[in-house]
Amino acid sequence: MKGTYTLAQLGLVNEYHFVVQPIVAGRGPQLLGGIRDRLDLKLTGTKPFGSGIVLLRYTPFR
């Protein structure tokens, strides 16, 4: 995810999409673990699916 972080630092990411799946997985790798600086994001949309999965759409505050 280092490349994504670099793009975020440069302000080149217009939108983030996260898919949240409700499962118990225990420990695993962090999605954005390498980010040291806070990313201020605004939730701009959600889409729930019948399976329990939710799509979350965020845009950076500028």
PDB file of N, CA and C in Angstrom:
ATOM      1  N   MET A   1       0.815  -1.199   0.000  1.00  0.00           N
ATOM      2  CA  MET A   1       0.000   0.000   0.000  1.00  0.00           C
ATOM      3  C   MET A   1       0.858   1.262   0.000  1.00  0.00           C
ATOM      4  N   LYS A   2       2.163   1.106  -0.094  1.00  0.00           N
ATOM      5  CA  LYS A   2       3.033   2.275  -0.049  1.00  0.00           C
ATOM      6  C   LYS A   2       2.748   3.231  -1.198  1.00  0.00           C
ATOM      7  N   GLY A   3       2.485   2.699  -2.401  1.00  0.00           N
ATOM      8  CA  GLY A   3       2.183   3.550  -3.541  1.00  0.00           C
ATOM      9  C   GLY A   3       0.920   4.369  -3.340  1.00  0.00           C
ATOM     10  N   THR A   4      -0.106   3.752  -2.748  1.00  0.00           N
ATOM     11  CA  THR A   4      -1.355   4.465  -2.476  1.00  0.00           C
ATOM     12  C   THR A   4      -1.113   5.595  -1.496  1.00  0.00           C
ATOM     13  N   TYR A   5      -0.282   5.342  -0.490  1.00  0.00           N
ATOM     14  CA  TYR A   5       0.012   6.371   0.497  1.00  0.00           C
ATOM     15  C   TYR A   5       0.728   7.546  -0.146  1.00  0.00           C
ATOM     16  N   THR A   6       1.671   7.278  -1.024  1.00  0.00           N
ATOM     17  CA  THR A   6       2.389   8.341  -1.716  1.00  0.00           C
ATOM     18  C   THR A   6       1.434   9.186  -2.537  1.00  0.00           C
ATOM     19  N   LEU A   7       0.515   8.557  -3.251  1.00  0.00           N
ATOM     20  CA  LEU A   7      -0.483   9.295  -4.029  1.00  0.00           C
ATOM     21  C   LEU A   7      -1.362  10.150  -3.124  1.00  0.00           C
ATOM     22  N   ALA A   8      -1.734   9.602  -1.972  1.00  0.00           N
ATOM     23  CA  ALA A   8      -2.562  10.350  -1.024  1.00  0.00           C
ATOM     24  C   ALA A   8      -1.811  11.563  -0.492  1.00  0.00           C
ATOM     25  N   GLN A   9      -0.524  11.386  -0.166  1.00  0.00           N
ATOM     26  CA  GLN A   9       0.286  12.502   0.337  1.00  0.00           C
ATOM     27  C   GLN A   9       0.383  13.624  -0.684  1.00  0.00           C
ATOM     28  N   LEU A  10       0.421  13.281  -1.950  1.00  0.00           N
ATOM     29  CA  LEU A  10       0.545  14.278  -3.012  1.00  0.00           C
ATOM     30  C   LEU A  10      -0.802  14.883  -3.408  1.00  0.00           C
ATOM     31  N   GLY A  11      -1.879  14.415  -2.789  1.00  0.00           N
ATOM     32  CA  GLY A  11      -3.211  14.937  -3.097  1.00  0.00           C
ATOM     33  C   GLY A  11      -3.753  14.456  -4.437  1.00  0.00           C
ATOM     34  N   LEU A  12      -3.303  13.285  -4.889  1.00  0.00           N
ATOM     35  CA  LEU A  12      -3.698  12.779  -6.199  1.00  0.00           C
ATOM     36  C   LEU A  12      -4.824  11.752  -6.153  1.00  0.00           C
ATOM     37  N   VAL A  13      -5.364  11.472  -4.980  1.00  0.00           N
ATOM     38  CA  VAL A  13      -6.474  10.521  -4.862  1.00  0.00           C
ATOM     39  C   VAL A  13      -7.764  11.322  -4.728  1.00  0.00           C
ATOM     40  N   ASN A  14      -8.688  11.118  -5.653  1.00  0.00           N
ATOM     41  CA  ASN A  14      -9.961  11.841  -5.641  1.00  0.00           C
ATOM     42  C   ASN A  14     -11.031  11.159  -4.801  1.00  0.00           C
ATOM     43  N   GLU A  15     -10.941   9.830  -4.688  1.00  0.00           N
ATOM     44  CA  GLU A  15     -12.005   9.099  -4.006  1.00  0.00           C
ATOM     45  C   GLU A  15     -11.458   7.759  -3.525  1.00  0.00           C
ATOM     46  N   TYR A  16     -11.907   7.350  -2.344  1.00  0.00           N
ATOM     47  CA  TYR A  16     -11.562   6.043  -1.789  1.00  0.00           C
ATOM     48  C   TYR A  16     -12.836   5.215  -1.705  1.00  0.00           C
ATOM     49  N   HIS A  17     -12.741   3.942  -2.048  1.00  0.00           N
ATOM     50  CA  HIS A  17     -13.857   3.005  -1.911  1.00  0.00           C
ATOM     51  C   HIS A  17     -13.408   1.888  -0.978  1.00  0.00           C
ATOM     52  N   PHE A  18     -14.156   1.669   0.086  1.00  0.00           N
ATOM     53  CA  PHE A  18     -13.873   0.583   1.021  1.00  0.00           C
ATOM     54  C   PHE A  18     -15.065  -0.358   1.023  1.00  0.00           C
ATOM     55  N   VAL A  19     -14.788  -1.637   0.929  1.00  0.00           N
ATOM     56  CA  VAL A  19     -15.832  -2.653   1.014  1.00  0.00           C
ATOM     57  C   VAL A  19     -15.666  -3.330   2.362  1.00  0.00           C
ATOM     58  N   VAL A  20     -16.702  -3.246   3.196  1.00  0.00           N
ATOM     59  CA  VAL A  20     -16.664  -3.815   4.534  1.00  0.00           C
ATOM     60  C   VAL A  20     -17.497  -5.088   4.531  1.00  0.00           C
ATOM     61  N   GLN A  21     -16.845  -6.189   4.889  1.00  0.00           N
ATOM     62  CA  GLN A  21     -17.523  -7.485   4.932  1.00  0.00           C
ATOM     63  C   GLN A  21     -17.543  -7.951   6.381  1.00  0.00           C
ATOM     64  N   PRO A  22     -18.723  -8.177   6.946  1.00  0.00           N
ATOM     65  CA  PRO A  22     -18.832  -8.517   8.371  1.00  0.00           C
ATOM     66  C   PRO A  22     -18.439  -9.970   8.653  1.00  0.00           C
ATOM     67  N   ILE A  23     -17.132 -10.175   8.857  1.00  0.00           N
ATOM     68  CA  ILE A  23     -16.638 -11.498   9.237  1.00  0.00           C
ATOM     69  C   ILE A  23     -15.654 -11.341  10.386  1.00  0.00           C
ATOM     70  N   VAL A  24     -15.444 -12.397  11.111  1.00  0.00           N
ATOM     71  CA  VAL A  24     -14.441 -12.394  12.165  1.00  0.00           C
ATOM     72  C   VAL A  24     -13.215 -13.078  11.592  1.00  0.00           C
ATOM     73  N   ALA A  25     -12.143 -12.309  11.425  1.00  0.00           N
ATOM     74  CA  ALA A  25     -10.948 -12.840  10.782  1.00  0.00           C
ATOM     75  C   ALA A  25      -9.750 -12.903  11.719  1.00  0.00           C
ATOM     76  N   GLY A  26      -9.866 -12.348  12.898  1.00  0.00           N
ATOM     77  CA  GLY A  26      -8.709 -12.330  13.787  1.00  0.00           C
ATOM     78  C   GLY A  26      -7.719 -11.276  13.370  1.00  0.00           C
ATOM     79  N   ARG A  27      -6.452 -11.585  13.519  1.00  0.00           N
ATOM     80  CA  ARG A  27      -5.403 -10.620  13.180  1.00  0.00           C
ATOM     81  C   ARG A  27      -5.016 -10.757  11.717  1.00  0.00           C
ATOM     82  N   GLY A  28      -4.607  -9.665  11.140  1.00  0.00           N
ATOM     83  CA  GLY A  28      -4.175  -9.670   9.757  1.00  0.00           C
ATOM     84  C   GLY A  28      -3.445  -8.386   9.441  1.00  0.00           C
ATOM     85  N   PRO A  29      -3.042  -8.216   8.190  1.00  0.00           N
ATOM     86  CA  PRO A  29      -2.324  -6.992   7.822  1.00  0.00           C
ATOM     87  C   PRO A  29      -3.243  -5.777   7.880  1.00  0.00           C
ATOM     88  N   GLN A  30      -2.680  -4.641   8.257  1.00  0.00           N
ATOM     89  CA  GLN A  30      -3.447  -3.406   8.287  1.00  0.00           C
ATOM     90  C   GLN A  30      -3.546  -2.834   6.887  1.00  0.00           C
ATOM     91  N   LEU A  31      -4.727  -2.396   6.522  1.00  0.00           N
ATOM     92  CA  LEU A  31      -4.956  -1.847   5.193  1.00  0.00           C
ATOM     93  C   LEU A  31      -4.141  -0.580   4.953  1.00  0.00           C
ATOM     94  N   LEU A  32      -4.167   0.318   5.914  1.00  0.00           N
ATOM     95  CA  LEU A  32      -3.461   1.594   5.771  1.00  0.00           C
ATOM     96  C   LEU A  32      -2.449   1.776   6.898  1.00  0.00           C
ATOM     97  N   GLY A  33      -1.772   0.706   7.264  1.00  0.00           N
ATOM     98  CA  GLY A  33      -0.865   0.724   8.402  1.00  0.00           C
ATOM     99  C   GLY A  33       0.347   1.612   8.247  1.00  0.00           C
ATOM    100  N   GLY A  34       0.812   1.876   7.045  1.00  0.00           N
ATOM    101  CA  GLY A  34       2.007   2.673   6.841  1.00  0.00           C
ATOM    102  C   GLY A  34       1.780   4.170   6.876  1.00  0.00           C
ATOM    103  N   ILE A  35       0.549   4.599   7.011  1.00  0.00           N
ATOM    104  CA  ILE A  35       0.247   6.037   6.975  1.00  0.00           C
ATOM    105  C   ILE A  35       0.528   6.660   8.337  1.00  0.00           C
ATOM    106  N   ARG A  36       1.404   7.656   8.344  1.00  0.00           N
ATOM    107  CA  ARG A  36       1.746   8.348   9.585  1.00  0.00           C
ATOM    108  C   ARG A  36       0.914   9.612   9.756  1.00  0.00           C
ATOM    109  N   ASP A  37       0.653  10.289   8.653  1.00  0.00           N
ATOM    110  CA  ASP A  37      -0.134  11.523   8.701  1.00  0.00           C
ATOM    111  C   ASP A  37      -1.603  11.183   8.560  1.00  0.00           C
ATOM    112  N   ARG A  38      -2.419  11.908   9.263  1.00  0.00           N
ATOM    113  CA  ARG A  38      -3.862  11.690   9.234  1.00  0.00           C
ATOM    114  C   ARG A  38      -4.428  12.091   7.881  1.00  0.00           C
ATOM    115  N   LEU A  39      -5.321  11.261   7.353  1.00  0.00           N
ATOM    116  CA  LEU A  39      -6.061  11.590   6.136  1.00  0.00           C
ATOM    117  C   LEU A  39      -7.450  12.053   6.556  1.00  0.00           C
ATOM    118  N   ASP A  40      -7.780  13.300   6.282  1.00  0.00           N
ATOM    119  CA  ASP A  40      -9.112  13.800   6.601  1.00  0.00           C
ATOM    120  C   ASP A  40     -10.033  13.456   5.444  1.00  0.00           C
ATOM    121  N   LEU A  41     -10.959  12.533   5.699  1.00  0.00           N
ATOM    122  CA  LEU A  41     -11.867  12.051   4.666  1.00  0.00           C
ATOM    123  C   LEU A  41     -13.303  12.366   5.027  1.00  0.00           C
ATOM    124  N   LYS A  42     -14.115  12.577   4.016  1.00  0.00           N
ATOM    125  CA  LYS A  42     -15.545  12.841   4.190  1.00  0.00           C
ATOM    126  C   LYS A  42     -16.316  11.699   3.558  1.00  0.00           C
ATOM    127  N   LEU A  43     -17.227  11.089   4.316  1.00  0.00           N
ATOM    128  CA  LEU A  43     -18.072  10.023   3.791  1.00  0.00           C
ATOM    129  C   LEU A  43     -19.051  10.636   2.801  1.00  0.00           C
ATOM    130  N   THR A  44     -18.992  10.192   1.548  1.00  0.00           N
ATOM    131  CA  THR A  44     -19.848  10.776   0.510  1.00  0.00           C
ATOM    132  C   THR A  44     -20.905   9.813  -0.014  1.00  0.00           C
ATOM    133  N   GLY A  45     -20.833   8.554   0.387  1.00  0.00           N
ATOM    134  CA  GLY A  45     -21.856   7.627  -0.070  1.00  0.00           C
ATOM    135  C   GLY A  45     -21.701   6.249   0.544  1.00  0.00           C
ATOM    136  N   THR A  46     -22.816   5.550   0.628  1.00  0.00           N
ATOM    137  CA  THR A  46     -22.820   4.177   1.115  1.00  0.00           C
ATOM    138  C   THR A  46     -23.745   3.349   0.232  1.00  0.00           C
ATOM    139  N   LYS A  47     -23.450   2.064   0.138  1.00  0.00           N
ATOM    140  CA  LYS A  47     -24.322   1.158  -0.589  1.00  0.00           C
ATOM    141  C   LYS A  47     -24.319  -0.183   0.130  1.00  0.00           C
ATOM    142  N   PRO A  48     -25.407  -0.489   0.847  1.00  0.00           N
ATOM    143  CA  PRO A  48     -25.493  -1.787   1.512  1.00  0.00           C
ATOM    144  C   PRO A  48     -25.963  -2.868   0.539  1.00  0.00           C
ATOM    145  N   PHE A  49     -25.473  -4.061   0.734  1.00  0.00           N
ATOM    146  CA  PHE A  49     -25.885  -5.203  -0.073  1.00  0.00           C
ATOM    147  C   PHE A  49     -26.617  -6.202   0.819  1.00  0.00           C
ATOM    148  N   GLY A  50     -27.444  -7.024   0.251  1.00  0.00           N
ATOM    149  CA  GLY A  50     -28.235  -7.994   1.001  1.00  0.00           C
ATOM    150  C   GLY A  50     -27.394  -8.987   1.783  1.00  0.00           C
ATOM    151  N   SER A  51     -26.173  -9.203   1.380  1.00  0.00           N
ATOM    152  CA  SER A  51     -25.279 -10.148   2.047  1.00  0.00           C
ATOM    153  C   SER A  51     -24.691  -9.591   3.340  1.00  0.00           C
ATOM    154  N   GLY A  52     -24.911  -8.309   3.604  1.00  0.00           N
ATOM    155  CA  GLY A  52     -24.330  -7.662   4.777  1.00  0.00           C
ATOM    156  C   GLY A  52     -23.110  -6.826   4.444  1.00  0.00           C
ATOM    157  N   ILE A  53     -22.598  -6.960   3.233  1.00  0.00           N
ATOM    158  CA  ILE A  53     -21.457  -6.162   2.791  1.00  0.00           C
ATOM    159  C   ILE A  53     -21.918  -4.722   2.570  1.00  0.00           C
ATOM    160  N   VAL A  54     -21.045  -3.774   2.912  1.00  0.00           N
ATOM    161  CA  VAL A  54     -21.351  -2.355   2.720  1.00  0.00           C
ATOM    162  C   VAL A  54     -20.197  -1.705   1.958  1.00  0.00           C
ATOM    163  N   LEU A  55     -20.529  -0.947   0.926  1.00  0.00           N
ATOM    164  CA  LEU A  55     -19.551  -0.160   0.188  1.00  0.00           C
ATOM    165  C   LEU A  55     -19.576   1.250   0.755  1.00  0.00           C
ATOM    166  N   LEU A  56     -18.410   1.756   1.158  1.00  0.00           N
ATOM    167  CA  LEU A  56     -18.288   3.105   1.702  1.00  0.00           C
ATOM    168  C   LEU A  56     -17.436   3.923   0.739  1.00  0.00           C
ATOM    169  N   ARG A  57     -17.909   5.107   0.390  1.00  0.00           N
ATOM    170  CA  ARG A  57     -17.200   5.979  -0.534  1.00  0.00           C
ATOM    171  C   ARG A  57     -16.794   7.259   0.214  1.00  0.00           C
ATOM    172  N   TYR A  58     -15.512   7.575   0.158  1.00  0.00           N
ATOM    173  CA  TYR A  58     -14.959   8.743   0.843  1.00  0.00           C
ATOM    174  C   TYR A  58     -14.219   9.627  -0.144  1.00  0.00           C
ATOM    175  N   THR A  59     -14.241  10.939   0.118  1.00  0.00           N
ATOM    176  CA  THR A  59     -13.421  11.889  -0.630  1.00  0.00           C
ATOM    177  C   THR A  59     -12.581  12.672   0.376  1.00  0.00           C
ATOM    178  N   PRO A  60     -11.382  13.064  -0.020  1.00  0.00           N
ATOM    179  CA  PRO A  60     -10.538  13.847   0.901  1.00  0.00           C
ATOM    180  C   PRO A  60     -11.066  15.265   1.067  1.00  0.00           C
ATOM    181  N   PHE A  61     -10.919  15.806   2.295  1.00  0.00           N
ATOM    182  CA  PHE A  61     -11.175  17.231   2.508  1.00  0.00           C
ATOM    183  C   PHE A  61     -10.029  17.986   1.875  1.00  0.00           C
ATOM    184  N   ARG A  62     -10.321  19.033   1.182  1.00  0.00           N
ATOM    185  CA  ARG A  62      -9.255  19.825   0.541  1.00  0.00           C
ATOM    186  C   ARG A  62      -9.359  21.253   0.993  1.00  0.00           C
TER     187      ARG A  62
END
